[in-house]
């Protein structure tokens, strides 16, 4: 399918944020939408795995939640262990006083995208692939000319950059992208690099019953996460139970971490973690062996935010940023995709009002300031969480203070109001 010569809204990037923007705009009655992506097919791995309550609320407003709920697993509790004892148990069901969705929805990203793509098709919108934007230039009539690698030029009233952390749209708009705290070294010890994989085991993991929903262990400077098994309808391997495995990488191995870690590499990290997941029969009576790795990746822990997510080109063309194009941060807490979707959905009514005759850019600037503040809050949240769990990298004389903080957290988390506060922050409801 060819590109149009002109469109009201051009969305660059058809991941969850880009598709959410198109769905929201369509819901607001804007039908002249062109959404493009540089790759031939959409995401075929799980990557982001959790949809938070605030994001389900947003998806529900645009009619894009029911099919996702039918495919996913509702996670109502997150347990964090230190050694063999429970450090923190977060009961998400306590969110019922704030939301209709008091849980986290476990759903691989490729199925989230599949459900959103279905909603787009219902609205009569098709993703055009593969078309790569290489430049944005101001046209003569206060619009934006998007130049493509194919030689095509599309003129748009609004351009939405949903094209990821290395956003061409952001670069062409001259918007800076850096850590809000000037922390460019990103030295978090073992937590400076993490690996993620979708794996199957030779036998089901033998986990404590209280950790059957989500298993998170913080032990000896290592972080291990094992998700609940993917639901059968969402599994990339319907004949086996598939789990999301996340682990920190020891400092001494970070230089040699492959882009797509092998089963052997993941197993070596797993054996460094909690004994209940070890493959060594000397320490684990139920040795755990990773049988297959269906997808894997590495992640360098860092944070960055665009200095603004709305800008006009020199001649007046409007450019917006959503999702990873606007902000990135640690995956701790599973906030990234959810925040990007909320960015995009919130933009729909703003662009409708502006396109219907709002003469001033105040509405657009207010939206941008609001989303910037929300992103800063999430970056702060993930940094706080990362700083707390990575603190054993603070060794020697500081180690006792770290453990004292953990003891205090364990005691405080027994109180229901503390649990609700933690769940509320993780749910994204505080950042809508």
Protein backbone atom coordinates (compact mmCIF):
# COMPACT_ATOMS: atom_id res chain seq x y z
CA UNK A 1 0.00 0.00 0.00
CA UNK A 2 1.33 3.44 -0.93
CA UNK A 3 1.63 6.50 1.28
CA UNK A 4 -0.80 9.42 0.94
CA UNK A 5 0.52 12.81 -0.12
CA UNK A 6 -1.22 14.54 2.80
CA UNK A 7 -2.79 13.58 6.12
CA UNK A 8 -4.10 15.32 9.21
CA UNK A 9 -2.06 13.17 11.62
CA UNK A 10 1.07 11.19 10.78
CA UNK A 11 2.06 8.68 13.46
CA UNK A 12 5.62 7.39 13.15
CA UNK A 13 5.96 4.02 14.89
CA UNK A 14 3.36 1.28 15.25
CA UNK A 15 4.28 -0.19 18.60
CA UNK A 16 1.83 -0.02 21.53
CA UNK A 17 2.18 3.78 21.94
CA UNK A 18 1.75 4.52 18.24
CA UNK A 19 -1.27 2.27 17.88
CA UNK A 20 -2.79 3.67 21.08
CA UNK A 21 -2.47 7.17 19.62
CA UNK A 22 -4.27 6.11 16.44
CA UNK A 23 -7.03 4.35 18.40
CA UNK A 24 -7.53 7.38 20.64
CA UNK A 25 -7.66 9.79 17.68
CA UNK A 26 -10.16 7.58 15.90
CA UNK A 27 -12.30 7.43 19.04
CA UNK A 28 -12.28 11.26 19.04
CA UNK A 29 -13.61 11.33 15.48
CA UNK A 30 -10.35 12.09 13.65
CA UNK A 31 -10.25 9.65 10.74
CA UNK A 32 -7.56 11.15 8.52
CA UNK A 33 -4.75 9.25 10.23
CA UNK A 34 -1.65 7.70 8.67
CA UNK A 35 0.40 5.33 10.84
CA UNK A 36 3.70 3.98 9.54
CA UNK A 37 6.42 1.70 10.79
CA UNK A 38 9.95 1.07 9.56
CA UNK A 39 9.85 -2.73 9.95
CA UNK A 40 7.90 -5.21 7.86
CA UNK A 41 6.17 -7.01 10.74
CA UNK A 42 5.19 -6.09 14.26
CA UNK A 43 6.71 -7.32 17.53
CA UNK A 44 6.89 -11.12 17.79
CA UNK A 45 8.30 -11.45 21.28
CA UNK A 46 6.94 -10.68 24.72
CA UNK A 47 9.27 -7.80 25.77
CA UNK A 48 6.88 -5.70 27.91
CA UNK A 49 4.78 -8.11 29.92
CA UNK A 50 2.59 -6.14 32.35
CA UNK A 51 -0.26 -3.73 31.75
CA UNK A 52 -0.89 -1.64 34.85
CA UNK A 53 -4.30 -0.67 36.26
CA UNK A 54 -4.08 2.98 35.13
CA UNK A 55 -3.33 1.83 31.60
CA UNK A 56 -6.26 -0.58 31.61
CA UNK A 57 -8.46 2.35 32.64
CA UNK A 58 -7.13 4.33 29.65
CA UNK A 59 -7.52 1.42 27.21
CA UNK A 60 -11.07 0.90 28.44
CA UNK A 61 -12.00 4.47 27.49
CA UNK A 62 -11.12 3.78 23.84
CA UNK A 63 -12.74 0.35 23.61
CA UNK A 64 -9.47 -1.57 23.50
CA UNK A 65 -9.44 -3.61 26.70
CA UNK A 66 -11.93 -6.47 26.60
CA UNK A 67 -9.99 -8.66 24.18
CA UNK A 68 -6.75 -8.04 26.11
CA UNK A 69 -8.42 -9.08 29.37
CA UNK A 70 -9.62 -12.28 27.70
CA UNK A 71 -6.07 -13.18 26.64
CA UNK A 72 -4.08 -12.20 29.74
CA UNK A 73 -3.53 -13.45 33.28
CA UNK A 74 -4.71 -11.27 36.17
CA UNK A 75 -1.92 -10.90 38.74
CA UNK A 76 -3.28 -9.69 42.07
CA UNK A 77 -0.16 -10.10 44.18
CA UNK A 78 3.58 -9.52 43.79
CA UNK A 79 5.94 -11.16 46.29
CA UNK A 80 9.51 -10.02 46.78
CA UNK A 81 11.82 -12.41 48.60
CA UNK A 82 15.22 -11.92 50.18
CA UNK A 83 16.85 -15.28 50.69
CA UNK A 84 14.16 -17.66 51.90
CA UNK A 85 11.99 -15.03 53.59
CA UNK A 86 9.39 -12.68 52.16
CA UNK A 87 10.62 -9.11 52.18
CA UNK A 88 7.52 -7.51 50.72
CA UNK A 89 4.14 -8.79 49.55
CA UNK A 90 2.16 -6.32 47.45
CA UNK A 91 -1.57 -7.01 47.36
CA UNK A 92 -2.95 -5.35 44.23
CA UNK A 93 -6.54 -6.30 45.09
CA UNK A 94 -6.52 -3.39 47.55
CA UNK A 95 -6.71 -1.08 44.53
CA UNK A 96 -10.41 -1.92 44.15
CA UNK A 97 -11.34 1.35 45.87
CA UNK A 98 -9.56 3.29 43.10
CA UNK A 99 -10.10 1.25 39.93
CA UNK A 100 -12.24 -1.38 38.23
CA UNK A 101 -9.03 -3.25 37.47
CA UNK A 102 -7.28 -4.04 40.80
CA UNK A 103 -4.57 -6.25 39.30
CA UNK A 104 -1.72 -6.28 36.84
CA UNK A 105 -2.46 -7.92 33.50
CA UNK A 106 0.23 -10.37 32.38
CA UNK A 107 0.25 -10.37 28.58
CA UNK A 108 3.19 -10.66 26.16
CA UNK A 109 3.71 -7.50 24.14
CA UNK A 110 3.12 -9.17 20.80
CA UNK A 111 -0.40 -10.09 21.95
CA UNK A 112 -1.00 -6.59 23.31
CA UNK A 113 -0.05 -5.31 19.86
CA UNK A 114 -2.22 -7.94 18.18
CA UNK A 115 -5.25 -6.85 20.21
CA UNK A 116 -4.60 -3.19 19.46
CA UNK A 117 -4.10 -3.93 15.76
CA UNK A 118 -7.49 -5.64 15.70
CA UNK A 119 -9.06 -2.52 17.19
CA UNK A 120 -7.34 -0.39 14.53
CA UNK A 121 -8.72 -2.59 11.75
CA UNK A 122 -12.21 -2.21 13.22
CA UNK A 123 -11.71 1.56 12.90
CA UNK A 124 -10.61 1.17 9.29
CA UNK A 125 -6.99 2.15 9.94
CA UNK A 126 -4.10 0.14 8.49
CA UNK A 127 -0.46 0.25 9.52
CA UNK A 128 1.67 1.04 6.46
CA UNK A 129 4.97 -0.92 6.34
CA UNK A 130 7.88 -0.75 5.83
CA UNK A 131 8.23 3.03 5.57
CA UNK A 132 11.10 4.76 7.37
CA UNK A 133 11.08 8.50 8.09
CA UNK A 134 14.50 10.05 7.52
CA UNK A 135 13.76 13.78 7.83
CA UNK A 136 11.13 16.31 8.87
CA UNK A 137 10.98 19.66 7.09
CA UNK A 138 8.69 22.63 7.44
CA UNK A 139 6.31 23.11 4.54
CA UNK A 140 5.11 26.51 3.33
CA UNK A 141 1.66 26.23 4.89
CA UNK A 142 2.52 25.63 8.56
CA UNK A 143 2.48 21.87 8.11
CA UNK A 144 5.26 19.29 8.29
CA UNK A 145 6.77 17.45 5.33
CA UNK A 146 7.91 13.99 6.40
CA UNK A 147 10.54 12.59 4.03
CA UNK A 148 10.84 8.82 3.75
CA UNK A 149 13.71 6.56 2.78
CA UNK A 150 11.52 5.38 -0.12
CA UNK A 151 11.53 8.91 -1.58
CA UNK A 152 7.93 9.58 -0.57
CA UNK A 153 6.95 12.84 1.12
CA UNK A 154 3.87 13.06 3.35
CA UNK A 155 2.54 16.45 4.43
CA UNK A 156 0.87 16.43 7.87
CA UNK A 157 -0.77 18.92 10.18
CA UNK A 158 0.46 16.96 13.22
CA UNK A 159 3.32 14.46 13.52
CA UNK A 160 3.43 12.06 16.47
CA UNK A 161 6.78 10.42 17.17
CA UNK A 162 6.24 6.96 18.64
CA UNK A 163 9.44 5.64 17.12
CA UNK A 164 11.33 4.53 20.19
CA UNK A 165 14.36 5.57 22.19
CA UNK A 166 16.37 6.37 19.05
CA UNK A 167 13.53 8.50 17.64
CA UNK A 168 14.14 10.16 14.28
CA UNK A 169 11.17 12.45 14.94
CA UNK A 170 12.74 13.67 18.18
CA UNK A 171 16.10 14.20 16.50
CA UNK A 172 14.58 16.10 13.58
CA UNK A 173 12.60 18.32 15.96
CA UNK A 174 15.85 19.26 17.75
CA UNK A 175 14.65 17.95 21.12
CA UNK A 176 17.32 16.87 23.61
CA UNK A 177 17.10 13.49 25.37
CA UNK A 178 19.06 12.89 28.56
CA UNK A 179 18.95 11.72 32.15
CA UNK A 180 16.95 14.28 34.17
CA UNK A 181 19.43 14.01 37.06
CA UNK A 182 22.55 14.23 34.93
CA UNK A 183 23.35 10.63 35.85
CA UNK A 184 24.94 9.70 32.54
CA UNK A 185 27.30 7.07 33.98
CA UNK A 186 24.40 4.84 35.08
CA UNK A 187 26.60 2.80 37.40
CA UNK A 188 24.27 0.48 39.30
CA UNK A 189 26.74 -2.36 39.85
CA UNK A 190 25.15 -5.71 38.96
CA UNK A 191 21.98 -3.80 38.05
CA UNK A 192 23.72 -1.80 35.33
CA UNK A 193 22.79 -4.53 32.88
CA UNK A 194 19.87 -6.95 32.85
CA UNK A 195 18.85 -9.86 30.64
CA UNK A 196 15.32 -10.92 29.77
CA UNK A 197 14.14 -14.16 28.27
CA UNK A 198 11.03 -16.19 27.55
CA UNK A 199 11.96 -19.71 28.59
CA UNK A 200 10.62 -23.18 29.22
CA UNK A 201 11.90 -25.52 31.93
CA UNK A 202 12.51 -29.25 31.98
CA UNK A 203 10.01 -29.38 34.86
CA UNK A 204 7.76 -26.73 36.42
CA UNK A 205 9.57 -24.47 38.91
CA UNK A 206 9.16 -25.44 42.55
CA UNK A 207 8.31 -22.07 44.04
CA UNK A 208 6.92 -21.13 47.46
CA UNK A 209 3.11 -21.17 47.33
CA UNK A 210 2.92 -17.53 48.35
CA UNK A 211 5.07 -16.61 45.35
CA UNK A 212 2.97 -18.46 42.79
CA UNK A 213 1.76 -15.22 41.23
CA UNK A 214 5.10 -13.54 40.59
CA UNK A 215 8.45 -14.61 42.00
CA UNK A 216 10.98 -11.85 42.67
CA UNK A 217 14.16 -12.50 44.62
CA UNK A 218 16.79 -10.04 45.83
CA UNK A 219 19.75 -11.94 47.20
CA UNK A 220 23.50 -11.22 47.46
CA UNK A 221 23.33 -8.35 45.01
CA UNK A 222 21.40 -10.39 42.44
CA UNK A 223 17.87 -9.75 41.19
CA UNK A 224 15.73 -12.56 39.77
CA UNK A 225 12.20 -12.33 38.43
CA UNK A 226 10.09 -15.21 37.20
CA UNK A 227 6.62 -14.37 35.91
CA UNK A 228 3.59 -16.60 36.17
CA UNK A 229 3.42 -18.96 33.17
CA UNK A 230 1.90 -17.36 30.10
CA UNK A 231 -1.74 -18.31 29.53
CA UNK A 232 -2.17 -21.03 26.90
CA UNK A 233 -3.83 -18.65 24.44
CA UNK A 234 -0.96 -16.20 24.86
CA UNK A 235 1.92 -18.65 24.79
CA UNK A 236 4.47 -18.72 21.95
CA UNK A 237 4.83 -22.45 22.71
CA UNK A 238 1.40 -23.96 23.49
CA UNK A 239 2.95 -27.36 24.29
CA UNK A 240 5.04 -26.07 27.21
CA UNK A 241 4.71 -23.61 30.07
CA UNK A 242 6.53 -20.41 29.12
CA UNK A 243 7.88 -18.02 31.74
CA UNK A 244 9.44 -14.58 31.56
CA UNK A 245 12.84 -14.68 33.27
CA UNK A 246 14.69 -11.48 34.22
CA UNK A 247 18.09 -11.32 35.89
CA UNK A 248 20.81 -8.84 36.69
CA UNK A 249 24.24 -9.45 35.18
CA UNK A 250 27.30 -9.60 37.46
CA UNK A 251 29.68 -6.71 36.82
CA UNK A 252 32.46 -9.05 35.74
CA UNK A 253 30.27 -10.51 32.95
CA UNK A 254 28.71 -7.32 31.61
CA UNK A 255 31.27 -6.65 28.88
CA UNK A 256 30.65 -10.09 27.39
CA UNK A 257 26.85 -10.14 27.60
CA UNK A 258 25.51 -11.13 24.16
CA UNK A 259 22.70 -9.17 22.54
CA UNK A 260 20.51 -12.30 22.56
CA UNK A 261 21.74 -14.44 25.47
CA UNK A 262 21.79 -18.19 24.92
CA UNK A 263 20.12 -20.82 27.08
CA UNK A 264 23.51 -21.64 28.58
CA UNK A 265 24.13 -17.99 29.46
CA UNK A 266 20.71 -17.63 31.09
CA UNK A 267 21.17 -20.89 33.00
CA UNK A 268 24.49 -19.67 34.42
CA UNK A 269 22.76 -16.53 35.72
CA UNK A 270 19.85 -18.55 37.08
CA UNK A 271 22.29 -20.71 39.05
CA UNK A 272 23.63 -17.57 40.76
CA UNK A 273 20.15 -16.66 41.99
CA UNK A 274 17.83 -18.22 44.57
CA UNK A 275 18.55 -21.88 45.34
CA UNK A 276 14.94 -22.81 44.48
CA UNK A 277 15.77 -22.10 40.83
CA UNK A 278 19.27 -23.60 40.73
CA UNK A 279 20.18 -26.52 38.48
CA UNK A 280 22.67 -27.80 41.07
CA UNK A 281 21.23 -30.87 42.88
CA UNK A 282 23.67 -30.25 45.72
CA UNK A 283 21.70 -27.14 46.76
CA UNK A 284 18.29 -27.72 45.17
CA UNK A 285 16.42 -31.02 45.56
CA UNK A 286 14.36 -30.06 42.49
CA UNK A 287 17.06 -28.92 39.99
CA UNK A 288 15.78 -26.37 37.48
CA UNK A 289 17.06 -26.59 33.92
CA UNK A 290 16.08 -24.11 31.20
CA UNK A 291 15.02 -26.31 28.30
CA UNK A 292 14.34 -23.77 25.54
CA UNK A 293 14.86 -20.04 25.11
CA UNK A 294 12.17 -18.67 22.80
CA UNK A 295 13.37 -15.07 22.95
CA UNK A 296 16.05 -13.22 24.87
CA UNK A 297 17.58 -9.78 25.05
CA UNK A 298 19.82 -7.60 27.18
CA UNK A 299 19.05 -4.18 28.62
CA UNK A 300 21.44 -1.47 29.76
CA UNK A 301 19.87 0.24 32.76
CA UNK A 302 19.56 3.94 32.12
CA UNK A 303 17.02 6.75 32.14
CA UNK A 304 16.40 9.67 29.81
CA UNK A 305 13.61 12.12 29.07
CA UNK A 306 12.93 14.51 26.20
CA UNK A 307 13.18 18.10 27.38
CA UNK A 308 9.71 18.59 25.89
CA UNK A 309 7.22 16.32 24.14
CA UNK A 310 5.56 19.04 22.05
CA UNK A 311 7.46 21.34 19.72
CA UNK A 312 6.90 23.36 16.60
CA UNK A 313 9.34 23.36 13.74
CA UNK A 314 10.72 26.79 12.77
CA UNK A 315 7.83 27.45 10.38
CA UNK A 316 5.12 26.27 12.74
CA UNK A 317 4.60 22.52 12.15
CA UNK A 318 3.51 20.60 15.27
CA UNK A 319 5.46 17.57 16.54
CA UNK A 320 4.63 15.38 19.56
CA UNK A 321 6.50 12.58 21.33
CA UNK A 322 4.97 9.60 23.13
CA UNK A 323 6.31 6.38 24.64
CA UNK A 324 10.02 5.58 24.50
CA UNK A 325 10.59 8.51 22.15
CA UNK A 326 9.67 10.75 25.10
CA UNK A 327 11.13 8.82 28.05
CA UNK A 328 12.97 5.64 29.02
CA UNK A 329 13.88 4.21 32.41
CA UNK A 330 14.71 1.03 34.29
CA UNK A 331 12.35 -1.92 33.62
CA UNK A 332 12.00 -2.39 37.39
CA UNK A 333 8.28 -2.07 38.13
CA UNK A 334 7.15 -2.75 34.54
CA UNK A 335 6.15 0.87 33.88
CA UNK A 336 7.51 1.64 30.40
CA UNK A 337 4.89 0.39 27.93
CA UNK A 338 2.03 1.32 30.24
CA UNK A 339 3.18 4.94 30.57
CA UNK A 340 3.64 5.23 26.80
CA UNK A 341 0.12 3.99 26.13
CA UNK A 342 -1.28 6.53 28.57
CA UNK A 343 0.72 9.30 26.87
CA UNK A 344 -0.81 8.37 23.54
CA UNK A 345 -4.41 7.94 24.64
CA UNK A 346 -4.38 11.26 26.51
CA UNK A 347 -3.29 13.05 23.32
CA UNK A 348 -6.44 12.11 21.37
CA UNK A 349 -8.92 14.58 22.91
CA UNK A 350 -6.27 17.31 22.97
CA UNK A 351 -5.64 17.09 19.22
CA UNK A 352 -9.35 16.93 18.51
CA UNK A 353 -9.96 20.14 20.45
CA UNK A 354 -7.01 21.85 18.78
CA UNK A 355 -7.98 20.75 15.27
CA UNK A 356 -11.52 22.02 15.83
CA UNK A 357 -10.31 25.56 16.20
CA UNK A 358 -8.38 26.15 19.40
CA UNK A 359 -6.37 29.14 18.20
CA UNK A 360 -3.76 28.97 20.92
CA UNK A 361 -1.17 26.28 21.61
CA UNK A 362 -1.88 26.52 25.33
CA UNK A 363 -3.86 23.27 25.23
CA UNK A 364 -0.96 21.46 23.57
CA UNK A 365 1.60 22.94 25.93
CA UNK A 366 -0.49 21.98 28.97
CA UNK A 367 -0.72 18.40 27.70
CA UNK A 368 3.04 18.31 27.13
CA UNK A 369 3.81 19.72 30.59
CA UNK A 370 1.46 17.21 32.20
CA UNK A 371 3.03 14.22 30.41
CA UNK A 372 6.53 15.48 31.15
CA UNK A 373 5.69 15.67 34.85
CA UNK A 374 4.19 12.17 34.77
CA UNK A 375 7.31 10.79 33.09
CA UNK A 376 9.59 12.47 35.63
CA UNK A 377 7.54 10.91 38.44
CA UNK A 378 7.87 7.43 36.94
CA UNK A 379 11.60 7.86 36.35
CA UNK A 380 11.95 8.92 39.98
CA UNK A 381 9.90 5.91 41.13
CA UNK A 382 11.99 3.42 39.15
CA UNK A 383 15.23 5.04 40.31
CA UNK A 384 14.12 4.85 43.93
CA UNK A 385 13.18 1.19 43.55
CA UNK A 386 16.41 0.41 41.73
CA UNK A 387 18.48 2.29 44.27
CA UNK A 388 16.91 0.37 47.12
CA UNK A 389 17.33 -3.12 45.69
CA UNK A 390 20.77 -2.42 44.20
CA UNK A 391 22.17 -1.05 47.45
CA UNK A 392 24.28 -4.13 48.31
CA UNK A 393 26.59 -2.72 45.67
CA UNK A 394 27.04 -0.23 48.52
CA UNK A 395 29.33 -2.51 50.45
CA UNK A 396 31.44 -2.35 53.56
CA UNK A 397 30.33 0.11 56.20
CA UNK A 398 27.11 0.95 54.30
CA UNK A 399 25.86 -2.66 54.11
CA UNK A 400 24.39 -2.69 57.66
CA UNK A 401 22.40 0.46 56.89
CA UNK A 402 21.01 -1.18 53.75
CA UNK A 403 19.92 -4.26 55.67
CA UNK A 404 18.42 -2.07 58.39
CA UNK A 405 16.36 -0.34 55.70
CA UNK A 406 15.15 -3.71 54.44
CA UNK A 407 14.12 -4.72 57.95
CA UNK A 408 12.19 -1.46 58.32
CA UNK A 409 10.51 -2.04 54.96
CA UNK A 410 9.52 -5.57 55.97
CA UNK A 411 7.94 -4.27 59.19
CA UNK A 412 6.20 -1.30 57.57
CA UNK A 413 4.77 -3.44 54.75
CA UNK A 414 2.70 -5.36 57.28
CA UNK A 415 0.41 -2.34 57.52
CA UNK A 416 -2.46 -2.32 55.02
CA UNK A 417 -2.14 1.39 54.23
CA UNK A 418 1.54 0.93 53.32
CA UNK A 419 0.65 -1.95 51.00
CA UNK A 420 -2.05 0.17 49.36
CA UNK A 421 0.38 3.06 48.90
CA UNK A 422 2.99 0.84 47.22
CA UNK A 423 0.35 -0.82 45.03
CA UNK A 424 -1.08 2.59 44.11
CA UNK A 425 2.31 3.87 42.97
CA UNK A 426 3.05 0.73 40.95
CA UNK A 427 -0.39 0.75 39.34
CA UNK A 428 0.23 4.09 37.64
CA UNK A 429 -2.97 5.49 39.12
CA UNK A 430 -0.91 8.14 40.89
CA UNK A 431 0.50 9.26 37.52
CA UNK A 432 -2.63 9.42 35.31
